[in-house]
N, C-alpha and C. Protein backbone atom coordinates (compact mmCIF):
# COMPACT_ATOMS: atom_id res chain seq x y z
N MET A 1 0.85 -1.19 0.00
CA MET A 1 0.00 0.00 0.00
C MET A 1 0.89 1.24 0.00
N ARG A 2 0.53 2.21 -0.81
CA ARG A 2 1.28 3.45 -0.88
C ARG A 2 0.31 4.61 -0.67
N ILE A 3 0.63 5.47 0.26
CA ILE A 3 -0.18 6.65 0.51
C ILE A 3 0.29 7.73 -0.47
N ASP A 4 -0.62 8.22 -1.29
CA ASP A 4 -0.21 9.19 -2.32
C ASP A 4 -0.31 10.64 -1.85
N GLU A 5 -1.18 10.91 -0.90
CA GLU A 5 -1.33 12.29 -0.46
C GLU A 5 -0.78 12.46 0.95
N VAL A 6 0.30 13.21 1.04
CA VAL A 6 0.95 13.47 2.33
C VAL A 6 1.15 14.97 2.44
N GLY A 7 0.71 15.54 3.55
CA GLY A 7 0.87 16.98 3.74
C GLY A 7 2.31 17.36 4.04
N ARG A 8 2.59 18.63 3.88
CA ARG A 8 3.93 19.15 4.14
C ARG A 8 4.16 19.22 5.65
N PRO A 9 5.32 18.75 6.11
CA PRO A 9 5.61 18.78 7.55
C PRO A 9 5.78 20.21 8.08
N GLN A 10 5.43 20.40 9.32
CA GLN A 10 5.73 21.65 10.02
C GLN A 10 7.20 21.55 10.42
N VAL A 11 7.98 22.61 10.16
CA VAL A 11 9.42 22.55 10.39
C VAL A 11 9.85 23.60 11.42
N HIS A 12 10.67 23.15 12.37
CA HIS A 12 11.29 24.02 13.36
C HIS A 12 12.80 23.88 13.22
N THR A 13 13.52 24.98 13.34
CA THR A 13 14.98 24.90 13.26
C THR A 13 15.61 25.56 14.49
N HIS A 14 16.78 25.07 14.84
CA HIS A 14 17.58 25.64 15.92
C HIS A 14 19.00 25.78 15.39
N GLY A 15 19.60 26.92 15.61
CA GLY A 15 20.95 27.14 15.12
C GLY A 15 20.95 27.56 13.66
N ASP A 16 22.10 27.46 13.03
CA ASP A 16 22.29 27.90 11.65
C ASP A 16 22.01 26.74 10.69
N VAL A 17 20.74 26.57 10.32
CA VAL A 17 20.33 25.50 9.42
C VAL A 17 20.12 26.12 8.03
N PRO A 18 20.92 25.70 7.04
CA PRO A 18 20.76 26.25 5.69
C PRO A 18 19.41 25.85 5.07
N PRO A 19 18.84 26.71 4.23
CA PRO A 19 17.56 26.39 3.59
C PRO A 19 17.59 25.09 2.79
N GLU A 20 18.73 24.79 2.15
CA GLU A 20 18.81 23.55 1.37
C GLU A 20 18.76 22.32 2.27
N ALA A 21 19.24 22.43 3.51
CA ALA A 21 19.15 21.32 4.46
C ALA A 21 17.69 21.10 4.88
N THR A 22 16.96 22.20 5.04
CA THR A 22 15.54 22.10 5.38
C THR A 22 14.78 21.45 4.23
N ALA A 23 15.03 21.89 3.01
CA ALA A 23 14.34 21.32 1.84
C ALA A 23 14.66 19.83 1.70
N TYR A 24 15.90 19.45 1.93
CA TYR A 24 16.31 18.05 1.84
C TYR A 24 15.58 17.21 2.90
N ALA A 25 15.49 17.72 4.12
CA ALA A 25 14.80 17.00 5.19
C ALA A 25 13.32 16.82 4.88
N ILE A 26 12.69 17.86 4.35
CA ILE A 26 11.28 17.76 3.98
C ILE A 26 11.09 16.71 2.89
N GLU A 27 11.93 16.76 1.87
CA GLU A 27 11.84 15.80 0.76
C GLU A 27 11.98 14.36 1.24
N LYS A 28 12.97 14.11 2.10
CA LYS A 28 13.21 12.76 2.59
C LYS A 28 12.09 12.28 3.52
N THR A 29 11.54 13.19 4.31
CA THR A 29 10.45 12.82 5.22
C THR A 29 9.20 12.48 4.42
N VAL A 30 8.85 13.33 3.47
CA VAL A 30 7.66 13.08 2.66
C VAL A 30 7.81 11.76 1.89
N SER A 31 9.00 11.49 1.39
CA SER A 31 9.25 10.23 0.69
C SER A 31 8.98 9.03 1.61
N ALA A 32 9.45 9.10 2.83
CA ALA A 32 9.23 8.00 3.79
C ALA A 32 7.75 7.87 4.14
N LEU A 33 7.05 9.00 4.25
CA LEU A 33 5.65 8.97 4.66
C LEU A 33 4.73 8.31 3.63
N HIS A 34 5.17 8.24 2.40
CA HIS A 34 4.36 7.56 1.38
C HIS A 34 4.21 6.08 1.68
N HIS A 35 5.01 5.56 2.60
CA HIS A 35 4.95 4.15 2.98
C HIS A 35 4.14 3.92 4.25
N ALA A 36 3.47 4.96 4.74
CA ALA A 36 2.64 4.82 5.94
C ALA A 36 1.46 3.90 5.66
N SER A 37 1.03 3.18 6.68
CA SER A 37 -0.06 2.22 6.53
C SER A 37 -1.43 2.88 6.64
N GLY A 38 -1.47 4.14 6.96
CA GLY A 38 -2.74 4.84 7.10
C GLY A 38 -2.56 6.31 6.84
N GLN A 39 -3.60 7.06 7.13
CA GLN A 39 -3.56 8.50 6.89
C GLN A 39 -2.59 9.19 7.85
N VAL A 40 -1.72 10.02 7.28
CA VAL A 40 -0.78 10.81 8.09
C VAL A 40 -1.52 12.08 8.50
N LEU A 41 -1.82 12.19 9.79
CA LEU A 41 -2.61 13.30 10.29
C LEU A 41 -1.78 14.54 10.57
N ARG A 42 -0.53 14.33 11.00
CA ARG A 42 0.34 15.47 11.34
C ARG A 42 1.78 15.03 11.29
N THR A 43 2.62 15.93 10.82
CA THR A 43 4.06 15.66 10.78
C THR A 43 4.81 16.92 11.17
N SER A 44 5.79 16.78 12.04
CA SER A 44 6.66 17.91 12.35
C SER A 44 8.11 17.45 12.34
N LEU A 45 8.96 18.35 11.91
CA LEU A 45 10.40 18.11 11.85
C LEU A 45 11.10 19.16 12.69
N THR A 46 12.15 18.76 13.38
CA THR A 46 13.02 19.70 14.07
C THR A 46 14.43 19.46 13.59
N LEU A 47 15.05 20.49 13.02
CA LEU A 47 16.43 20.42 12.57
C LEU A 47 17.25 21.26 13.54
N ASP A 48 18.22 20.62 14.19
CA ASP A 48 18.98 21.28 15.24
C ASP A 48 20.47 21.27 14.91
N ALA A 49 20.98 22.43 14.51
CA ALA A 49 22.41 22.58 14.22
C ALA A 49 23.16 23.12 15.43
N ALA A 50 22.43 23.43 16.51
CA ALA A 50 23.05 23.98 17.71
C ALA A 50 23.46 22.88 18.69
N ALA A 51 22.95 21.67 18.50
CA ALA A 51 23.29 20.56 19.39
C ALA A 51 24.68 20.01 19.02
N PRO A 52 25.29 19.23 19.91
CA PRO A 52 26.53 18.56 19.51
C PRO A 52 26.21 17.56 18.41
N GLY A 53 26.75 17.76 17.23
CA GLY A 53 26.36 16.98 16.06
C GLY A 53 25.05 17.54 15.53
N ASP A 54 24.83 17.41 14.26
CA ASP A 54 23.56 17.86 13.69
C ASP A 54 22.50 16.81 13.97
N ARG A 55 21.27 17.26 14.29
CA ARG A 55 20.19 16.35 14.69
C ARG A 55 18.92 16.70 13.95
N VAL A 56 18.21 15.66 13.50
CA VAL A 56 16.91 15.83 12.86
C VAL A 56 15.92 14.91 13.57
N ASP A 57 14.84 15.49 14.07
CA ASP A 57 13.77 14.74 14.73
C ASP A 57 12.51 14.81 13.88
N ALA A 58 11.79 13.69 13.80
CA ALA A 58 10.50 13.66 13.11
C ALA A 58 9.46 13.12 14.07
N HIS A 59 8.34 13.82 14.16
CA HIS A 59 7.18 13.38 14.94
C HIS A 59 6.03 13.24 13.95
N VAL A 60 5.46 12.04 13.88
CA VAL A 60 4.42 11.74 12.90
C VAL A 60 3.23 11.12 13.61
N ASP A 61 2.04 11.51 13.19
CA ASP A 61 0.81 10.91 13.69
C ASP A 61 0.17 10.17 12.53
N VAL A 62 0.16 8.83 12.61
CA VAL A 62 -0.45 7.99 11.58
C VAL A 62 -1.72 7.38 12.18
N ASN A 63 -2.87 7.90 11.77
CA ASN A 63 -4.16 7.41 12.29
C ASN A 63 -4.20 7.36 13.81
N GLY A 64 -3.65 8.36 14.46
CA GLY A 64 -3.68 8.43 15.92
C GLY A 64 -2.54 7.73 16.62
N ILE A 65 -1.65 7.10 15.88
CA ILE A 65 -0.50 6.44 16.48
C ILE A 65 0.72 7.34 16.28
N GLY A 66 1.35 7.72 17.37
CA GLY A 66 2.50 8.60 17.33
C GLY A 66 3.78 7.85 17.03
N VAL A 67 4.57 8.39 16.12
CA VAL A 67 5.87 7.82 15.77
C VAL A 67 6.90 8.93 15.92
N HIS A 68 7.97 8.66 16.67
CA HIS A 68 9.05 9.63 16.83
C HIS A 68 10.37 8.95 16.50
N VAL A 69 11.12 9.56 15.60
CA VAL A 69 12.45 9.06 15.26
C VAL A 69 13.40 10.24 15.16
N HIS A 70 14.69 9.95 15.26
CA HIS A 70 15.68 11.01 15.10
C HIS A 70 16.94 10.43 14.47
N GLY A 71 17.74 11.33 13.96
CA GLY A 71 19.05 10.96 13.43
C GLY A 71 20.05 12.01 13.83
N VAL A 72 21.25 11.59 14.19
CA VAL A 72 22.33 12.51 14.55
C VAL A 72 23.51 12.17 13.67
N GLY A 73 24.11 13.19 13.06
CA GLY A 73 25.25 12.96 12.18
C GLY A 73 26.22 14.11 12.20
N SER A 74 27.29 13.95 11.45
CA SER A 74 28.29 15.02 11.37
C SER A 74 27.84 16.14 10.45
N THR A 75 26.84 15.86 9.60
CA THR A 75 26.23 16.90 8.75
C THR A 75 24.72 16.77 8.86
N MET A 76 24.02 17.81 8.45
CA MET A 76 22.56 17.77 8.48
C MET A 76 22.04 16.72 7.49
N GLN A 77 22.73 16.54 6.37
CA GLN A 77 22.32 15.54 5.39
C GLN A 77 22.46 14.13 5.97
N GLU A 78 23.56 13.87 6.64
CA GLU A 78 23.74 12.55 7.26
C GLU A 78 22.67 12.30 8.32
N ALA A 79 22.39 13.30 9.15
CA ALA A 79 21.35 13.16 10.17
C ALA A 79 19.98 12.92 9.53
N THR A 80 19.70 13.60 8.43
CA THR A 80 18.43 13.43 7.73
C THR A 80 18.31 12.02 7.16
N ASP A 81 19.39 11.53 6.55
CA ASP A 81 19.36 10.18 5.98
C ASP A 81 19.13 9.12 7.06
N LEU A 82 19.76 9.29 8.21
CA LEU A 82 19.54 8.36 9.32
C LEU A 82 18.10 8.42 9.82
N MET A 83 17.57 9.64 9.95
CA MET A 83 16.19 9.81 10.38
C MET A 83 15.24 9.16 9.39
N GLN A 84 15.46 9.36 8.09
CA GLN A 84 14.58 8.78 7.07
C GLN A 84 14.60 7.26 7.14
N ASP A 85 15.76 6.68 7.30
CA ASP A 85 15.87 5.23 7.39
C ASP A 85 15.10 4.70 8.60
N ARG A 86 15.25 5.36 9.73
CA ARG A 86 14.53 4.94 10.94
C ARG A 86 13.03 5.13 10.80
N LEU A 87 12.61 6.22 10.15
CA LEU A 87 11.18 6.47 9.96
C LEU A 87 10.58 5.39 9.06
N ARG A 88 11.25 5.06 7.97
CA ARG A 88 10.75 4.00 7.09
C ARG A 88 10.63 2.68 7.85
N THR A 89 11.63 2.36 8.65
CA THR A 89 11.61 1.13 9.43
C THR A 89 10.42 1.10 10.38
N ARG A 90 10.21 2.20 11.09
CA ARG A 90 9.08 2.26 12.04
C ARG A 90 7.73 2.17 11.32
N LEU A 91 7.62 2.81 10.16
CA LEU A 91 6.36 2.76 9.41
C LEU A 91 6.09 1.35 8.88
N HIS A 92 7.12 0.64 8.46
CA HIS A 92 6.95 -0.74 8.02
C HIS A 92 6.56 -1.64 9.19
N ARG A 93 7.16 -1.40 10.34
CA ARG A 93 6.81 -2.17 11.55
C ARG A 93 5.36 -1.91 11.94
N LEU A 94 4.92 -0.69 11.82
CA LEU A 94 3.54 -0.33 12.13
C LEU A 94 2.58 -1.02 11.18
N ARG A 95 3.00 -1.16 9.94
CA ARG A 95 2.17 -1.85 8.95
C ARG A 95 2.00 -3.32 9.32
N ARG A 96 3.08 -3.94 9.79
CA ARG A 96 3.02 -5.36 10.17
C ARG A 96 2.25 -5.57 11.46
N ARG A 97 2.30 -4.60 12.37
CA ARG A 97 1.62 -4.71 13.67
C ARG A 97 0.79 -3.45 13.90
N PRO A 98 -0.33 -3.33 13.21
CA PRO A 98 -1.10 -2.09 13.26
C PRO A 98 -1.66 -1.74 14.64
N ARG A 99 -1.83 -2.72 15.50
CA ARG A 99 -2.37 -2.43 16.83
C ARG A 99 -1.30 -1.97 17.81
N GLN A 100 -0.07 -1.94 17.35
CA GLN A 100 1.04 -1.55 18.22
C GLN A 100 1.10 -0.03 18.29
N GLY A 101 0.42 0.52 19.20
CA GLY A 101 0.38 1.96 19.39
C GLY A 101 -0.22 2.26 20.74
N PRO A 102 -0.49 3.51 21.01
CA PRO A 102 -1.04 3.87 22.32
C PRO A 102 -2.46 3.33 22.46
N ALA A 103 -2.82 3.00 23.67
CA ALA A 103 -4.18 2.53 23.95
C ALA A 103 -5.18 3.64 23.69
N ALA A 104 -6.35 3.28 23.24
CA ALA A 104 -7.39 4.28 22.93
C ALA A 104 -7.96 4.86 24.20
């Protein structure tokens, strides 16, 4: 199953984050979200260049189930790639075990 309609993530930045790093993080996040098992209700990204190492956090709500992943790297691109890989993994796991989420 592939979700074709995914909204643009809300983005927060800390420190000196170049616009191209933000665009790259959005592109990679949206790409991963197309593999969600249900409707993506909300997505937010935090790009932090002020932390030790560059860090990218993603918070996603898939049909009421919260998913949080992050990546830390020596560059914002490396951190984004790690975050995307972890997000895809979590979304695939959610697809295999759809009831694995917070209690209603």
